[in-house]
Amino acid sequence: MATRKLPVPPLIEQMDIASYIKDETAKFDTLTAEAQRASTCCKSAAPH
């Protein structure tokens, strides 16, 4: 089996990337939760 070298960014850049992904995921999670609350609110307010 052949060994291949993969380019890897410096550790500080890896940490920056991980931090960015964590921050963006948190924003997405917040928006998802707000959308779910709005959906629940709309469903409960809709006439049956």
C-alpha atoms as a PDB file:
ATOM      1  CA  MET A   1       0.000   0.000   0.000  1.00  0.00           C
ATOM      2  CA  ALA A   2       1.388   3.383  -1.000  1.00  0.00           C
ATOM      3  CA  THR A   3       1.848   6.105   1.569  1.00  0.00           C
ATOM      4  CA  ARG A   4       0.566   9.527   0.611  1.00  0.00           C
ATOM      5  CA  LYS A   5       1.294  12.819   2.249  1.00  0.00           C
ATOM      6  CA  LEU A   6      -1.650  15.117   2.746  1.00  0.00           C
ATOM      7  CA  PRO A   7      -1.160  18.840   3.134  1.00  0.00           C
ATOM      8  CA  VAL A   8      -2.107  19.952   6.626  1.00  0.00           C
ATOM      9  CA  PRO A   9      -2.449  23.601   7.629  1.00  0.00           C
ATOM     10  CA  PRO A  10      -0.422  24.857  10.585  1.00  0.00           C
ATOM     11  CA  LEU A  11      -1.921  24.145  14.006  1.00  0.00           C
ATOM     12  CA  ILE A  12      -2.966  27.771  14.596  1.00  0.00           C
ATOM     13  CA  GLU A  13      -4.853  27.753  11.290  1.00  0.00           C
ATOM     14  CA  GLN A  14      -6.519  24.461  12.215  1.00  0.00           C
ATOM     15  CA  MET A  15      -7.609  26.031  15.492  1.00  0.00           C
ATOM     16  CA  ASP A  16      -8.969  29.097  13.663  1.00  0.00           C
ATOM     17  CA  ILE A  17     -10.926  26.858  11.293  1.00  0.00           C
ATOM     18  CA  ALA A  18     -12.345  24.818  14.178  1.00  0.00           C
ATOM     19  CA  SER A  19     -13.333  28.002  16.018  1.00  0.00           C
ATOM     20  CA  TYR A  20     -15.048  29.384  12.918  1.00  0.00           C
ATOM     21  CA  ILE A  21     -16.984  26.149  12.400  1.00  0.00           C
ATOM     22  CA  LYS A  22     -18.005  26.113  16.076  1.00  0.00           C
ATOM     23  CA  ASP A  23     -19.239  29.723  15.892  1.00  0.00           C
ATOM     24  CA  GLU A  24     -21.163  29.180  12.653  1.00  0.00           C
ATOM     25  CA  THR A  25     -22.708  25.971  13.992  1.00  0.00           C
ATOM     26  CA  ALA A  26     -23.866  27.839  17.102  1.00  0.00           C
ATOM     27  CA  LYS A  27     -25.537  30.474  14.885  1.00  0.00           C
ATOM     28  CA  PHE A  28     -27.243  27.740  12.877  1.00  0.00           C
ATOM     29  CA  ASP A  29     -28.410  26.011  16.054  1.00  0.00           C
ATOM     30  CA  THR A  30     -29.851  29.282  17.361  1.00  0.00           C
ATOM     31  CA  LEU A  31     -31.703  29.966  14.114  1.00  0.00           C
ATOM     32  CA  THR A  32     -33.031  26.409  14.040  1.00  0.00           C
ATOM     33  CA  ALA A  33     -34.335  26.711  17.609  1.00  0.00           C
ATOM     34  CA  GLU A  34     -35.983  30.066  16.817  1.00  0.00           C
ATOM     35  CA  ALA A  35     -37.637  28.582  13.726  1.00  0.00           C
ATOM     36  CA  GLN A  36     -38.939  25.640  15.754  1.00  0.00           C
ATOM     37  CA  ARG A  37     -40.366  27.983  18.403  1.00  0.00           C
ATOM     38  CA  ALA A  38     -42.008  30.126  15.730  1.00  0.00           C
ATOM     39  CA  SER A  39     -43.466  27.033  14.076  1.00  0.00           C
ATOM     40  CA  THR A  40     -44.849  25.773  17.377  1.00  0.00           C
ATOM     41  CA  CYS A  41     -46.287  29.191  18.132  1.00  0.00           C
ATOM     42  CA  CYS A  42     -47.951  29.399  14.714  1.00  0.00           C
ATOM     43  CA  LYS A  43     -49.382  25.889  15.012  1.00  0.00           C
ATOM     44  CA  SER A  44     -50.883  26.612  18.429  1.00  0.00           C
ATOM     45  CA  ALA A  45     -52.316  29.939  17.224  1.00  0.00           C
ATOM     46  CA  ALA A  46     -53.876  28.501  14.069  1.00  0.00           C
ATOM     47  CA  PRO A  47     -57.629  27.830  14.200  1.00  0.00           C
ATOM     48  CA  HIS A  48     -58.518  24.150  14.358  1.00  0.00           C
END
